[in-house]
Amino acid sequence: MSRLNVAIHLFLQASTLRTTIAQDNLLAPLYIDNVEFLAASSNLANVSFPILQTALKSPNATNESFFTGYDWTKPFPGSAIDGHGAHLRVAFDIPIPDNILENATTAVSSLTFSIPNKMSGNDGAPTAMDPSWYICRHIFVTDKVNHTTVGKGGDSCGFLTSECKEDLKGNLTQGWMKTDDSTPCSGLALDPIPQSCIGSFGFARADVIAFDSSYMADAAQAKLLAVDEQNQNNWRIGTGYHDKGSQAAYDTANNRTFLLVNVWGYSEKLPQGNRKTPDATLSCLSTKTNATNPKDE
């Protein structure tokens, strides 16, 4: 199994962590911290989904980013459409299960994604994806403090150099259908950010959410991939293990910036004559304001 497929397997189904856990326990998987090999299985843990879901209904900090993408309900390459979104919510002091570490908490950042209303039905569910599409969402995370301010504009990636942006788009599109036999994506989970980005963003390795029409045909997966709501398997990351009320945990969550590279690609079902290099959209976000310590409110 390729690195990308491992990441898809862990993120979308989380079955490696939950096959022996009763479903009524309702545990939610997350990356426990922003370590170098972010998407490695050793960086995964489970927390209580009911507790997390309740906390994220009244998050300590939020932000969202809206950007131009493509209408995947029509055959590739489709047409550009505004209103694709990424949504960030942060919840402090989420308990770590005692079987992992007693009396510990973590601050959780949760990313959800949305699509333009035009691409959803009257019931709010995503309209079926045309089989010609394959989407790769690449996620990079930095904890460098100076990025908090520049990321607060929601979709502002202005702190990245022009060379970095060009290299990201080139690296993540030019190898389409060539990089790995098991996926169309040009970049794989755990791949490093381009060298030209290290100065402005910092070193990071990618996580990748990849999906096609077969994933979108499943109602639960479609919500996870394209509806802004909290589900058991949303993309989430903690701040490591801390005592409750840890200002260090709050500061870490506040200082993070998420760089999202959405690649609007084609699947193997698209005839050769209709294929062309995919487009890519960059978006950056961090919390709008530095959330305060709940003890000080």
Protein backbone atom coordinates (compact mmCIF):
# COMPACT_ATOMS: atom_id res chain seq x y z
CA MET A 1 0.00 0.00 0.00
CA SER A 2 1.42 3.42 -0.94
CA ARG A 3 2.00 6.19 1.59
CA LEU A 4 -0.95 8.09 0.16
CA ASN A 5 -3.29 5.13 0.42
CA VAL A 6 -2.16 4.56 3.98
CA ALA A 7 -3.09 8.15 4.78
CA ILE A 8 -6.46 7.85 3.03
CA HIS A 9 -7.12 4.64 4.92
CA LEU A 10 -6.22 6.19 8.27
CA PHE A 11 -8.03 9.47 7.74
CA LEU A 12 -11.20 8.51 5.93
CA GLN A 13 -11.92 5.26 7.70
CA ALA A 14 -9.65 5.31 10.78
CA SER A 15 -10.17 1.57 10.90
CA THR A 16 -6.67 0.65 12.04
CA LEU A 17 -7.34 2.43 15.31
CA ARG A 18 -10.94 1.37 15.80
CA THR A 19 -11.37 -2.18 14.58
CA THR A 20 -11.23 -3.50 18.14
CA ILE A 21 -13.18 -0.62 19.71
CA ALA A 22 -16.96 -0.79 20.12
CA GLN A 23 -18.70 1.76 17.95
CA ASP A 24 -20.82 3.03 20.85
CA ASN A 25 -17.62 4.37 22.43
CA LEU A 26 -17.63 7.04 19.69
CA LEU A 27 -13.94 7.78 19.60
CA ALA A 28 -12.57 10.36 17.18
CA PRO A 29 -9.08 9.97 15.67
CA LEU A 30 -6.66 12.89 15.47
CA TYR A 31 -3.00 13.62 14.93
CA ILE A 32 -1.71 14.21 18.43
CA ASP A 33 0.83 16.89 17.49
CA ASN A 34 2.53 18.67 14.61
CA VAL A 35 5.56 16.41 14.40
CA GLU A 36 7.75 16.05 11.31
CA PHE A 37 6.06 12.88 10.08
CA LEU A 38 2.59 14.28 10.66
CA ALA A 39 0.63 11.55 8.89
CA ALA A 40 2.51 8.62 10.43
CA SER A 41 0.35 6.09 12.27
CA SER A 42 2.49 6.61 15.39
CA ASN A 43 1.11 10.18 15.58
CA LEU A 44 -2.52 9.05 15.77
CA ALA A 45 -4.65 8.88 18.90
CA ASN A 46 -8.34 8.71 19.79
CA VAL A 47 -10.35 11.09 21.97
CA SER A 48 -14.01 11.08 22.99
CA PHE A 49 -16.09 12.28 20.05
CA PRO A 50 -19.09 13.42 22.18
CA ILE A 51 -16.80 15.59 24.34
CA LEU A 52 -14.97 16.96 21.31
CA GLN A 53 -18.18 17.59 19.36
CA THR A 54 -19.68 19.53 22.27
CA ALA A 55 -16.54 21.63 22.64
CA LEU A 56 -16.42 22.43 18.92
CA LYS A 57 -20.03 23.69 19.00
CA SER A 58 -18.68 26.60 21.06
CA PRO A 59 -15.05 26.73 19.90
CA ASN A 60 -12.39 28.83 21.57
CA ALA A 61 -11.26 30.17 18.19
CA THR A 62 -12.34 29.93 14.55
CA ASN A 63 -11.60 31.03 11.02
CA GLU A 64 -12.66 30.11 7.51
CA SER A 65 -11.31 30.52 4.03
CA PHE A 66 -13.24 30.65 0.75
CA PHE A 67 -11.50 30.15 -2.57
CA THR A 68 -12.09 29.45 -6.23
CA GLY A 69 -12.21 25.81 -7.30
CA TYR A 70 -14.00 23.75 -9.93
CA ASP A 71 -17.48 22.30 -10.37
CA TRP A 72 -16.81 18.57 -10.13
CA THR A 73 -20.44 17.70 -10.83
CA LYS A 74 -19.67 18.31 -14.51
CA PRO A 75 -17.04 16.41 -16.57
CA PHE A 76 -13.38 17.40 -16.17
CA PRO A 77 -12.06 20.07 -16.60
CA GLY A 78 -15.37 21.70 -15.66
CA SER A 79 -15.57 25.41 -14.98
CA ALA A 80 -14.15 27.59 -12.24
CA ILE A 81 -16.55 28.34 -9.39
CA ASP A 82 -16.21 30.48 -6.28
CA GLY A 83 -17.31 29.35 -2.85
CA HIS A 84 -15.23 26.29 -1.98
CA GLY A 85 -14.35 26.57 1.68
CA ALA A 86 -12.13 25.38 4.52
CA HIS A 87 -13.22 25.94 8.10
CA LEU A 88 -11.05 25.96 11.23
CA ARG A 89 -12.32 25.48 14.79
CA VAL A 90 -10.17 25.18 17.91
CA ALA A 91 -11.23 23.59 21.19
CA PHE A 92 -9.07 23.72 24.31
CA ASP A 93 -8.65 21.15 27.08
CA ILE A 94 -9.91 18.03 25.29
CA PRO A 95 -9.22 15.07 27.60
CA ILE A 96 -6.75 12.40 26.51
CA PRO A 97 -8.01 8.89 27.40
CA ASP A 98 -6.42 7.58 30.58
CA ASN A 99 -5.19 4.47 28.77
CA ILE A 100 -2.88 6.78 26.77
CA LEU A 101 -1.90 9.23 29.52
CA GLU A 102 -3.66 10.03 32.77
CA ASN A 103 -4.87 13.55 33.57
CA ALA A 104 -3.74 14.97 30.23
CA THR A 105 -5.49 17.22 27.73
CA THR A 106 -4.76 18.64 24.29
CA ALA A 107 -5.95 21.65 22.27
CA VAL A 108 -7.61 20.40 19.09
CA SER A 109 -7.74 22.17 15.72
CA SER A 110 -10.45 20.76 13.46
CA LEU A 111 -10.65 21.33 9.70
CA THR A 112 -13.86 20.84 7.74
CA PHE A 113 -14.51 21.53 4.08
CA SER A 114 -17.46 22.83 2.07
CA ILE A 115 -18.52 23.30 -1.53
CA PRO A 116 -20.58 26.00 -3.29
CA ASN A 117 -24.34 25.78 -2.84
CA LYS A 118 -24.65 25.20 -6.57
CA MET A 119 -22.92 21.84 -6.13
CA SER A 120 -25.36 20.61 -3.47
CA GLY A 121 -28.97 19.51 -3.59
CA ASN A 122 -31.93 21.07 -1.80
CA ASP A 123 -31.25 18.80 1.18
CA GLY A 124 -27.72 20.19 1.52
CA ALA A 125 -26.08 16.92 0.47
CA PRO A 126 -23.38 17.16 -2.21
CA THR A 127 -24.50 16.47 -5.76
CA ALA A 128 -22.86 13.40 -7.29
CA MET A 129 -19.32 13.90 -8.52
CA ASP A 130 -18.67 13.19 -12.18
CA PRO A 131 -16.44 10.07 -12.48
CA SER A 132 -13.84 12.00 -14.49
CA TRP A 133 -12.60 13.87 -11.40
CA TYR A 134 -9.97 13.05 -8.77
CA ILE A 135 -9.24 15.57 -6.02
CA CYS A 136 -6.11 15.79 -3.87
CA ARG A 137 -6.07 18.06 -0.81
CA HIS A 138 -2.57 18.60 0.51
CA ILE A 139 -2.28 19.94 4.06
CA PHE A 140 0.87 21.49 5.53
CA VAL A 141 1.06 22.82 9.09
CA THR A 142 3.47 25.33 10.59
CA ASP A 143 3.84 26.40 14.22
CA LYS A 144 6.02 29.41 13.41
CA VAL A 145 4.62 32.28 15.47
CA ASN A 146 5.10 34.97 12.83
CA HIS A 147 2.57 33.28 10.55
CA THR A 148 -0.39 33.80 12.86
CA THR A 149 -0.94 37.40 11.81
CA VAL A 150 -0.48 36.86 8.09
CA GLY A 151 -2.79 33.84 8.11
CA LYS A 152 -5.67 35.64 9.78
CA GLY A 153 -7.02 36.95 6.49
CA GLY A 154 -8.65 33.56 5.97
CA ASP A 155 -7.33 32.75 2.50
CA SER A 156 -4.22 34.94 2.62
CA CYS A 157 -1.03 33.15 1.58
CA GLY A 158 0.74 36.46 1.02
CA PHE A 159 3.59 35.48 3.34
CA LEU A 160 4.67 32.75 0.92
CA THR A 161 7.23 33.74 -1.69
CA SER A 162 6.26 33.67 -5.34
CA GLU A 163 8.79 30.90 -5.94
CA CYS A 164 7.25 28.82 -3.16
CA LYS A 165 3.75 29.17 -4.61
CA GLU A 166 4.96 28.28 -8.09
CA ASP A 167 6.87 25.25 -6.82
CA LEU A 168 3.91 24.01 -4.76
CA LYS A 169 1.60 24.17 -7.74
CA GLY A 170 4.17 22.65 -10.08
CA ASN A 171 5.21 19.82 -7.75
CA LEU A 172 1.61 18.89 -6.98
CA THR A 173 0.31 18.91 -10.57
CA GLN A 174 3.12 18.09 -13.03
CA GLY A 175 3.47 14.49 -11.90
CA TRP A 176 -0.23 13.70 -12.19
CA MET A 177 -0.77 10.00 -12.91
CA LYS A 178 3.03 9.50 -12.89
CA THR A 179 4.25 9.71 -9.27
CA ASP A 180 2.64 6.58 -7.83
CA ASP A 181 0.92 3.67 -9.56
CA SER A 182 -1.86 3.55 -6.97
CA THR A 183 -3.00 7.18 -7.15
CA PRO A 184 -3.17 10.07 -9.62
CA CYS A 185 -1.83 12.56 -7.02
CA SER A 186 1.52 14.17 -7.81
CA GLY A 187 2.39 14.52 -4.13
CA LEU A 188 2.07 11.87 -1.42
CA ALA A 189 1.56 11.89 2.32
CA LEU A 190 4.81 12.59 4.19
CA ASP A 191 6.37 14.35 1.17
CA PRO A 192 8.32 17.47 2.26
CA ILE A 193 7.27 20.97 1.35
CA PRO A 194 9.40 22.41 -1.51
CA GLN A 195 12.80 23.77 -0.48
CA SER A 196 11.75 27.22 -1.72
CA CYS A 197 8.98 27.32 0.91
CA ILE A 198 11.10 26.62 3.98
CA GLY A 199 12.17 30.23 4.46
CA SER A 200 8.65 31.67 4.39
CA PHE A 201 6.67 28.74 5.81
CA GLY A 202 9.09 26.44 7.60
CA PHE A 203 9.81 22.77 7.04
CA ALA A 204 6.75 20.53 6.94
CA ARG A 205 5.64 17.21 5.54
CA ALA A 206 2.28 16.84 3.88
CA ASP A 207 -0.88 15.04 4.77
CA VAL A 208 -3.12 14.24 1.81
CA ILE A 209 -6.86 13.75 1.54
CA ALA A 210 -7.59 12.18 -1.85
CA PHE A 211 -10.96 11.17 -3.23
CA ASP A 212 -12.95 10.46 -6.36
CA SER A 213 -16.57 9.79 -7.26
CA SER A 214 -16.60 6.45 -5.43
CA TYR A 215 -15.95 8.21 -2.11
CA MET A 216 -18.48 10.92 -2.90
CA ALA A 217 -21.12 8.28 -3.69
CA ASP A 218 -21.10 7.27 -0.02
CA ALA A 219 -23.29 9.71 1.94
CA ALA A 220 -21.15 9.63 5.09
CA GLN A 221 -17.89 10.11 3.20
CA ALA A 222 -19.40 12.90 1.08
CA LYS A 223 -20.34 14.81 4.25
CA LEU A 224 -16.86 14.32 5.62
CA LEU A 225 -15.28 15.66 2.44
CA ALA A 226 -17.63 18.46 1.42
CA VAL A 227 -19.98 19.55 4.25
CA ASP A 228 -19.03 21.94 7.05
CA GLU A 229 -20.13 19.90 10.04
CA GLN A 230 -18.40 18.01 12.80
CA ASN A 231 -18.19 14.29 12.11
CA GLN A 232 -16.33 11.55 13.87
CA ASN A 233 -13.49 11.43 11.32
CA ASN A 234 -12.89 15.09 10.42
CA TRP A 235 -9.25 16.14 9.94
CA ARG A 236 -7.93 17.15 13.36
CA ILE A 237 -4.65 17.83 15.12
CA GLY A 238 -3.79 18.31 18.79
CA THR A 239 -0.95 20.07 20.59
CA GLY A 240 0.60 17.08 22.31
CA TYR A 241 -0.07 16.24 25.97
CA HIS A 242 -0.65 18.99 28.54
CA ASP A 243 -2.19 19.64 31.91
CA LYS A 244 -5.65 21.21 31.79
CA GLY A 245 -5.39 24.98 31.51
CA SER A 246 -2.00 24.93 29.83
CA GLN A 247 -1.25 28.29 28.23
CA ALA A 248 1.44 26.57 26.16
CA ALA A 249 -1.23 24.41 24.51
CA TYR A 250 -3.43 27.43 23.80
CA ASP A 251 -0.52 29.39 22.34
CA THR A 252 0.49 26.49 20.13
CA ALA A 253 -3.03 26.16 18.70
CA ASN A 254 -3.27 29.92 18.17
CA ASN A 255 0.08 30.16 16.42
CA ARG A 256 -0.56 27.46 13.83
CA THR A 257 -1.11 28.24 10.19
CA PHE A 258 -2.59 25.68 7.82
CA LEU A 259 -1.57 25.72 4.17
CA LEU A 260 -4.04 23.90 1.94
CA VAL A 261 -3.25 23.04 -1.67
CA ASN A 262 -6.31 21.77 -3.51
CA VAL A 263 -5.51 20.00 -6.77
CA TRP A 264 -8.44 19.67 -9.18
CA GLY A 265 -7.40 16.64 -11.18
CA TYR A 266 -8.76 13.93 -13.43
CA SER A 267 -9.27 10.23 -12.81
CA GLU A 268 -8.19 7.25 -14.87
CA LYS A 269 -11.76 7.13 -16.23
CA LEU A 270 -11.22 10.27 -18.28
CA PRO A 271 -10.34 9.52 -21.94
CA GLN A 272 -6.75 10.34 -22.91
CA GLY A 273 -7.81 13.01 -25.39
CA ASN A 274 -9.60 15.02 -22.68
CA ARG A 275 -6.71 15.11 -20.21
CA LYS A 276 -4.67 18.16 -19.30
CA THR A 277 -2.48 19.26 -16.39
CA PRO A 278 -4.69 19.89 -13.34
CA ASP A 279 -5.06 23.27 -11.70
CA ALA A 280 -4.20 23.93 -8.04
CA THR A 281 -5.55 26.45 -5.54
CA LEU A 282 -3.68 27.64 -2.45
CA SER A 283 -5.37 28.73 0.76
CA CYS A 284 -3.96 29.62 4.20
CA LEU A 285 -5.71 30.11 7.51
CA SER A 286 -5.15 30.35 11.23
CA THR A 287 -7.35 31.52 14.08
CA LYS A 288 -8.83 35.02 13.72
CA THR A 289 -7.85 36.14 17.19
CA ASN A 290 -5.66 34.78 19.92
CA ALA A 291 -8.14 32.91 22.08
CA THR A 292 -7.83 33.57 25.79
CA ASN A 293 -7.19 31.11 28.56
CA PRO A 294 -10.65 29.96 29.74
CA LYS A 295 -9.44 30.51 33.33
CA ASP A 296 -9.09 34.24 32.58
CA GLU A 297 -12.61 34.71 31.17
